[in-house]
Amino acid sequence: MIEHIVALLLFVGPDIKEHRIQESMSFCLKHKREASRPPISANVSYKCIKSKAELEKNIDGSYSIKALILE
């Protein structure tokens, strides 16, 4: 299923290592600030995006991102 989402992305170097669906851009920015507070490494960064994504349903009924569709 393809939906428009807001996602928080974790970059390690140039690669996306993790992505999480967020309720809204304000929640995403809040979580980005919280995650960025203790600087872990110069290579680690976070970014909030609005994008289309292919989602898959988990066993517990929640959705996770299967693939981001960047346009």
PDB file of N, CA and C in Angstrom:
ATOM      1  N   MET A   1       0.850  -1.159   0.000  1.00  0.00           N
ATOM      2  CA  MET A   1       0.000   0.000   0.000  1.00  0.00           C
ATOM      3  C   MET A   1       0.904   1.233   0.000  1.00  0.00           C
ATOM      4  N   ILE A   2       0.597   2.213  -0.856  1.00  0.00           N
ATOM      5  CA  ILE A   2       1.387   3.430  -0.958  1.00  0.00           C
ATOM      6  C   ILE A   2       0.612   4.580  -0.314  1.00  0.00           C
ATOM      7  N   GLU A   3       1.282   5.311   0.590  1.00  0.00           N
ATOM      8  CA  GLU A   3       0.670   6.401   1.353  1.00  0.00           C
ATOM      9  C   GLU A   3       1.638   7.580   1.425  1.00  0.00           C
ATOM     10  N   HIS A   4       1.095   8.767   1.690  1.00  0.00           N
ATOM     11  CA  HIS A   4       1.916   9.934   2.023  1.00  0.00           C
ATOM     12  C   HIS A   4       2.179   9.869   3.522  1.00  0.00           C
ATOM     13  N   ILE A   5       3.445  10.010   3.909  1.00  0.00           N
ATOM     14  CA  ILE A   5       3.819   9.908   5.318  1.00  0.00           C
ATOM     15  C   ILE A   5       4.804  11.009   5.699  1.00  0.00           C
ATOM     16  N   VAL A   6       4.995  11.164   7.000  1.00  0.00           N
ATOM     17  CA  VAL A   6       6.092  11.949   7.556  1.00  0.00           C
ATOM     18  C   VAL A   6       6.991  10.930   8.230  1.00  0.00           C
ATOM     19  N   ALA A   7       8.288  11.000   7.927  1.00  0.00           N
ATOM     20  CA  ALA A   7       9.210  10.006   8.470  1.00  0.00           C
ATOM     21  C   ALA A   7      10.435  10.678   9.069  1.00  0.00           C
ATOM     22  N   LEU A   8      10.953  10.075  10.129  1.00  0.00           N
ATOM     23  CA  LEU A   8      12.219  10.480  10.728  1.00  0.00           C
ATOM     24  C   LEU A   8      13.271   9.505  10.232  1.00  0.00           C
ATOM     25  N   LEU A   9      14.297  10.035   9.566  1.00  0.00           N
ATOM     26  CA  LEU A   9      15.348   9.201   8.997  1.00  0.00           C
ATOM     27  C   LEU A   9      16.621   9.335   9.817  1.00  0.00           C
ATOM     28  N   LEU A  10      17.304   8.219  10.034  1.00  0.00           N
ATOM     29  CA  LEU A  10      18.608   8.188  10.691  1.00  0.00           C
ATOM     30  C   LEU A  10      19.645   7.912   9.621  1.00  0.00           C
ATOM     31  N   PHE A  11      20.579   8.847   9.446  1.00  0.00           N
ATOM     32  CA  PHE A  11      21.671   8.676   8.499  1.00  0.00           C
ATOM     33  C   PHE A  11      22.951   8.372   9.257  1.00  0.00           C
ATOM     34  N   VAL A  12      23.698   7.386   8.787  1.00  0.00           N
ATOM     35  CA  VAL A  12      25.050   7.131   9.260  1.00  0.00           C
ATOM     36  C   VAL A  12      25.920   7.268   8.020  1.00  0.00           C
ATOM     37  N   GLY A  13      26.654   8.375   7.970  1.00  0.00           N
ATOM     38  CA  GLY A  13      27.361   8.711   6.738  1.00  0.00           C
ATOM     39  C   GLY A  13      26.320   9.057   5.686  1.00  0.00           C
ATOM     40  N   PRO A  14      26.480   8.554   4.464  1.00  0.00           N
ATOM     41  CA  PRO A  14      25.504   8.861   3.414  1.00  0.00           C
ATOM     42  C   PRO A  14      24.320   7.893   3.355  1.00  0.00           C
ATOM     43  N   ASP A  15      24.313   6.863   4.189  1.00  0.00           N
ATOM     44  CA  ASP A  15      23.307   5.803   4.123  1.00  0.00           C
ATOM     45  C   ASP A  15      22.193   5.993   5.146  1.00  0.00           C
ATOM     46  N   ILE A  16      20.950   5.682   4.726  1.00  0.00           N
ATOM     47  CA  ILE A  16      19.815   5.655   5.654  1.00  0.00           C
ATOM     48  C   ILE A  16      19.866   4.321   6.392  1.00  0.00           C
ATOM     49  N   LYS A  17      19.995   4.382   7.722  1.00  0.00           N
ATOM     50  CA  LYS A  17      20.075   3.156   8.515  1.00  0.00           C
ATOM     51  C   LYS A  17      18.748   2.779   9.156  1.00  0.00           C
ATOM     52  N   GLU A  18      17.905   3.795   9.419  1.00  0.00           N
ATOM     53  CA  GLU A  18      16.614   3.515  10.058  1.00  0.00           C
ATOM     54  C   GLU A  18      15.623   4.582   9.645  1.00  0.00           C
ATOM     55  N   HIS A  19      14.345   4.209   9.565  1.00  0.00           N
ATOM     56  CA  HIS A  19      13.278   5.163   9.261  1.00  0.00           C
ATOM     57  C   HIS A  19      12.064   4.802  10.076  1.00  0.00           C
ATOM     58  N   ARG A  20      11.418   5.841  10.614  1.00  0.00           N
ATOM     59  CA  ARG A  20      10.252   5.641  11.476  1.00  0.00           C
ATOM     60  C   ARG A  20       9.128   6.562  11.034  1.00  0.00           C
ATOM     61  N   ILE A  21       7.921   6.039  10.980  1.00  0.00           N
ATOM     62  CA  ILE A  21       6.744   6.829  10.641  1.00  0.00           C
ATOM     63  C   ILE A  21       6.389   7.703  11.841  1.00  0.00           C
ATOM     64  N   GLN A  22       6.066   8.983  11.570  1.00  0.00           N
ATOM     65  CA  GLN A  22       5.686   9.926  12.614  1.00  0.00           C
ATOM     66  C   GLN A  22       4.265  10.423  12.343  1.00  0.00           C
ATOM     67  N   GLU A  23       3.588  10.879  13.395  1.00  0.00           N
ATOM     68  CA  GLU A  23       2.208  11.357  13.276  1.00  0.00           C
ATOM     69  C   GLU A  23       2.114  12.636  12.457  1.00  0.00           C
ATOM     70  N   SER A  24       3.046  13.561  12.670  1.00  0.00           N
ATOM     71  CA  SER A  24       3.024  14.848  11.994  1.00  0.00           C
ATOM     72  C   SER A  24       4.447  15.393  11.945  1.00  0.00           C
ATOM     73  N   MET A  25       4.614  16.489  11.212  1.00  0.00           N
ATOM     74  CA  MET A  25       5.937  17.104  11.115  1.00  0.00           C
ATOM     75  C   MET A  25       6.379  17.645  12.472  1.00  0.00           C
ATOM     76  N   SER A  26       5.459  18.168  13.274  1.00  0.00           N
ATOM     77  CA  SER A  26       5.843  18.698  14.592  1.00  0.00           C
ATOM     78  C   SER A  26       6.348  17.585  15.512  1.00  0.00           C
ATOM     79  N   PHE A  27       5.701  16.408  15.494  1.00  0.00           N
ATOM     80  CA  PHE A  27       6.189  15.279  16.290  1.00  0.00           C
ATOM     81  C   PHE A  27       7.551  14.822  15.775  1.00  0.00           C
ATOM     82  N   CYS A  28       7.714  14.828  14.463  1.00  0.00           N
ATOM     83  CA  CYS A  28       8.980  14.407  13.871  1.00  0.00           C
ATOM     84  C   CYS A  28      10.111  15.333  14.317  1.00  0.00           C
ATOM     85  N   LEU A  29       9.879  16.639  14.243  1.00  0.00           N
ATOM     86  CA  LEU A  29      10.912  17.592  14.645  1.00  0.00           C
ATOM     87  C   LEU A  29      11.231  17.484  16.134  1.00  0.00           C
ATOM     88  N   LYS A  30      10.209  17.212  16.942  1.00  0.00           N
ATOM     89  CA  LYS A  30      10.429  17.023  18.379  1.00  0.00           C
ATOM     90  C   LYS A  30      11.327  15.813  18.627  1.00  0.00           C
ATOM     91  N   HIS A  31      11.024  14.691  17.962  1.00  0.00           N
ATOM     92  CA  HIS A  31      11.830  13.487  18.138  1.00  0.00           C
ATOM     93  C   HIS A  31      13.237  13.672  17.572  1.00  0.00           C
ATOM     94  N   LYS A  32      13.362  14.438  16.501  1.00  0.00           N
ATOM     95  CA  LYS A  32      14.678  14.733  15.933  1.00  0.00           C
ATOM     96  C   LYS A  32      15.522  15.506  16.942  1.00  0.00           C
ATOM     97  N   ARG A  33      14.927  16.527  17.587  1.00  0.00           N
ATOM     98  CA  ARG A  33      15.648  17.305  18.601  1.00  0.00           C
ATOM     99  C   ARG A  33      16.089  16.416  19.759  1.00  0.00           C
ATOM    100  N   GLU A  34      15.180  15.554  20.231  1.00  0.00           N
ATOM    101  CA  GLU A  34      15.514  14.667  21.353  1.00  0.00           C
ATOM    102  C   GLU A  34      16.634  13.702  20.990  1.00  0.00           C
ATOM    103  N   ALA A  35      16.594  13.162  19.774  1.00  0.00           N
ATOM    104  CA  ALA A  35      17.619  12.199  19.361  1.00  0.00           C
ATOM    105  C   ALA A  35      18.964  12.871  19.122  1.00  0.00           C
ATOM    106  N   SER A  36      18.948  14.144  18.751  1.00  0.00           N
ATOM    107  CA  SER A  36      20.190  14.847  18.423  1.00  0.00           C
ATOM    108  C   SER A  36      20.873  15.467  19.634  1.00  0.00           C
ATOM    109  N   ARG A  37      20.230  15.498  20.773  1.00  0.00           N
ATOM    110  CA  ARG A  37      20.787  16.187  21.950  1.00  0.00           C
ATOM    111  C   ARG A  37      22.140  15.651  22.378  1.00  0.00           C
ATOM    112  N   PRO A  38      22.280  14.393  22.708  1.00  0.00           N
ATOM    113  CA  PRO A  38      23.645  13.941  23.029  1.00  0.00           C
ATOM    114  C   PRO A  38      24.354  13.571  21.723  1.00  0.00           C
ATOM    115  N   PRO A  39      25.260  14.413  21.222  1.00  0.00           N
ATOM    116  CA  PRO A  39      25.901  14.092  19.932  1.00  0.00           C
ATOM    117  C   PRO A  39      26.668  12.777  20.020  1.00  0.00           C
ATOM    118  N   ILE A  40      26.258  11.806  19.220  1.00  0.00           N
ATOM    119  CA  ILE A  40      26.872  10.485  19.237  1.00  0.00           C
ATOM    120  C   ILE A  40      28.153  10.488  18.406  1.00  0.00           C
ATOM    121  N   SER A  41      28.033  11.005  17.188  1.00  0.00           N
ATOM    122  CA  SER A  41      29.162  11.007  16.268  1.00  0.00           C
ATOM    123  C   SER A  41      28.924  12.072  15.206  1.00  0.00           C
ATOM    124  N   ALA A  42      29.979  12.522  14.583  1.00  0.00           N
ATOM    125  CA  ALA A  42      29.845  13.503  13.497  1.00  0.00           C
ATOM    126  C   ALA A  42      29.216  12.856  12.271  1.00  0.00           C
ATOM    127  N   ASN A  43      29.298  11.536  12.171  1.00  0.00           N
ATOM    128  CA  ASN A  43      28.746  10.802  11.024  1.00  0.00           C
ATOM    129  C   ASN A  43      27.242  10.588  11.117  1.00  0.00           C
ATOM    130  N   VAL A  44      26.664  10.726  12.308  1.00  0.00           N
ATOM    131  CA  VAL A  44      25.246  10.426  12.534  1.00  0.00           C
ATOM    132  C   VAL A  44      24.425  11.713  12.425  1.00  0.00           C
ATOM    133  N   SER A  45      23.337  11.654  11.639  1.00  0.00           N
ATOM    134  CA  SER A  45      22.436  12.798  11.534  1.00  0.00           C
ATOM    135  C   SER A  45      21.004  12.305  11.360  1.00  0.00           C
ATOM    136  N   TYR A  46      20.059  13.191  11.649  1.00  0.00           N
ATOM    137  CA  TYR A  46      18.635  12.888  11.546  1.00  0.00           C
ATOM    138  C   TYR A  46      17.982  13.886  10.607  1.00  0.00           C
ATOM    139  N   LYS A  47      16.905  13.467   9.926  1.00  0.00           N
ATOM    140  CA  LYS A  47      16.190  14.350   9.014  1.00  0.00           C
ATOM    141  C   LYS A  47      14.725  13.942   8.986  1.00  0.00           C
ATOM    142  N   CYS A  48      13.831  14.951   8.982  1.00  0.00           N
ATOM    143  CA  CYS A  48      12.400  14.711   8.834  1.00  0.00           C
ATOM    144  C   CYS A  48      12.017  14.992   7.382  1.00  0.00           C
ATOM    145  N   ILE A  49      11.213  14.099   6.806  1.00  0.00           N
ATOM    146  CA  ILE A  49      10.773  14.295   5.428  1.00  0.00           C
ATOM    147  C   ILE A  49       9.283  13.984   5.296  1.00  0.00           C
ATOM    148  N   LYS A  50       8.648  14.627   4.309  1.00  0.00           N
ATOM    149  CA  LYS A  50       7.308  14.250   3.870  1.00  0.00           C
ATOM    150  C   LYS A  50       7.507  13.568   2.534  1.00  0.00           C
ATOM    151  N   SER A  51       6.978  12.361   2.401  1.00  0.00           N
ATOM    152  CA  SER A  51       7.224  11.602   1.182  1.00  0.00           C
ATOM    153  C   SER A  51       6.150  10.539   1.005  1.00  0.00           C
ATOM    154  N   LYS A  52       6.147   9.939  -0.163  1.00  0.00           N
ATOM    155  CA  LYS A  52       5.348   8.738  -0.379  1.00  0.00           C
ATOM    156  C   LYS A  52       6.187   7.548   0.074  1.00  0.00           C
ATOM    157  N   ALA A  53       5.505   6.522   0.554  1.00  0.00           N
ATOM    158  CA  ALA A  53       6.204   5.322   0.979  1.00  0.00           C
ATOM    159  C   ALA A  53       5.332   4.105   0.756  1.00  0.00           C
ATOM    160  N   GLU A  54       5.972   3.000   0.479  1.00  0.00           N
ATOM    161  CA  GLU A  54       5.275   1.725   0.406  1.00  0.00           C
ATOM    162  C   GLU A  54       5.283   1.151   1.813  1.00  0.00           C
ATOM    163  N   LEU A  55       4.088   0.888   2.338  1.00  0.00           N
ATOM    164  CA  LEU A  55       3.952   0.414   3.714  1.00  0.00           C
ATOM    165  C   LEU A  55       3.557  -1.048   3.742  1.00  0.00           C
ATOM    166  N   GLU A  56       3.941  -1.708   4.833  1.00  0.00           N
ATOM    167  CA  GLU A  56       3.485  -3.073   5.059  1.00  0.00           C
ATOM    168  C   GLU A  56       2.918  -3.167   6.466  1.00  0.00           C
ATOM    169  N   LYS A  57       1.885  -3.989   6.610  1.00  0.00           N
ATOM    170  CA  LYS A  57       1.212  -4.146   7.902  1.00  0.00           C
ATOM    171  C   LYS A  57       1.942  -5.201   8.727  1.00  0.00           C
ATOM    172  N   ASN A  58       2.202  -4.869   9.988  1.00  0.00           N
ATOM    173  CA  ASN A  58       2.849  -5.802  10.910  1.00  0.00           C
ATOM    174  C   ASN A  58       1.814  -6.703  11.563  1.00  0.00           C
ATOM    175  N   ILE A  59       2.266  -7.701  12.256  1.00  0.00           N
ATOM    176  CA  ILE A  59       1.383  -8.650  12.941  1.00  0.00           C
ATOM    177  C   ILE A  59       0.500  -7.946  13.964  1.00  0.00           C
ATOM    178  N   ASP A  60       1.047  -6.920  14.645  1.00  0.00           N
ATOM    179  CA  ASP A  60       0.280  -6.219  15.678  1.00  0.00           C
ATOM    180  C   ASP A  60      -0.661  -5.148  15.117  1.00  0.00           C
ATOM    181  N   GLY A  61      -0.739  -5.020  13.788  1.00  0.00           N
ATOM    182  CA  GLY A  61      -1.654  -4.071  13.167  1.00  0.00           C
ATOM    183  C   GLY A  61      -1.039  -2.728  12.830  1.00  0.00           C
ATOM    184  N   SER A  62       0.179  -2.481  13.299  1.00  0.00           N
ATOM    185  CA  SER A  62       0.845  -1.222  12.967  1.00  0.00           C
ATOM    186  C   SER A  62       1.471  -1.327  11.575  1.00  0.00           C
ATOM    187  N   TYR A  63       1.911  -0.188  11.050  1.00  0.00           N
ATOM    188  CA  TYR A  63       2.518  -0.167   9.725  1.00  0.00           C
ATOM    189  C   TYR A  63       3.987   0.187   9.828  1.00  0.00           C
ATOM    190  N   SER A  64       4.782  -0.346   8.930  1.00  0.00           N
ATOM    191  CA  SER A  64       6.193   0.010   8.836  1.00  0.00           C
ATOM    192  C   SER A  64       6.516   0.328   7.389  1.00  0.00           C
ATOM    193  N   ILE A  65       7.597   1.063   7.207  1.00  0.00           N
ATOM    194  CA  ILE A  65       8.005   1.483   5.874  1.00  0.00           C
ATOM    195  C   ILE A  65       8.762   0.350   5.198  1.00  0.00           C
ATOM    196  N   LYS A  66       8.260  -0.066   4.055  1.00  0.00           N
ATOM    197  CA  LYS A  66       8.942  -1.088   3.262  1.00  0.00           C
ATOM    198  C   LYS A  66       9.922  -0.428   2.287  1.00  0.00           C
ATOM    199  N   ALA A  67       9.491   0.697   1.670  1.00  0.00           N
ATOM    200  CA  ALA A  67      10.365   1.439   0.757  1.00  0.00           C
ATOM    201  C   ALA A  67       9.913   2.893   0.688  1.00  0.00           C
ATOM    202  N   LEU A  68      10.869   3.799   0.672  1.00  0.00           N
ATOM    203  CA  LEU A  68      10.568   5.217   0.483  1.00  0.00           C
ATOM    204  C   LEU A  68      10.520   5.513  -1.013  1.00  0.00           C
ATOM    205  N   ILE A  69       9.576   6.349  -1.416  1.00  0.00           N
ATOM    206  CA  ILE A  69       9.462   6.763  -2.821  1.00  0.00           C
ATOM    207  C   ILE A  69       9.815   8.251  -2.846  1.00  0.00           C
ATOM    208  N   LEU A  70      11.058   8.540  -3.186  1.00  0.00           N
ATOM    209  CA  LEU A  70      11.530   9.917  -3.209  1.00  0.00           C
ATOM    210  C   LEU A  70      11.336  10.501  -4.587  1.00  0.00           C
ATOM    211  N   GLU A  71      10.623  11.598  -4.654  1.00  0.00           N
ATOM    212  CA  GLU A  71      10.325  12.234  -5.949  1.00  0.00           C
ATOM    213  C   GLU A  71      10.952  13.597  -6.035  1.00  0.00           C
TER     214      GLU A  71
END
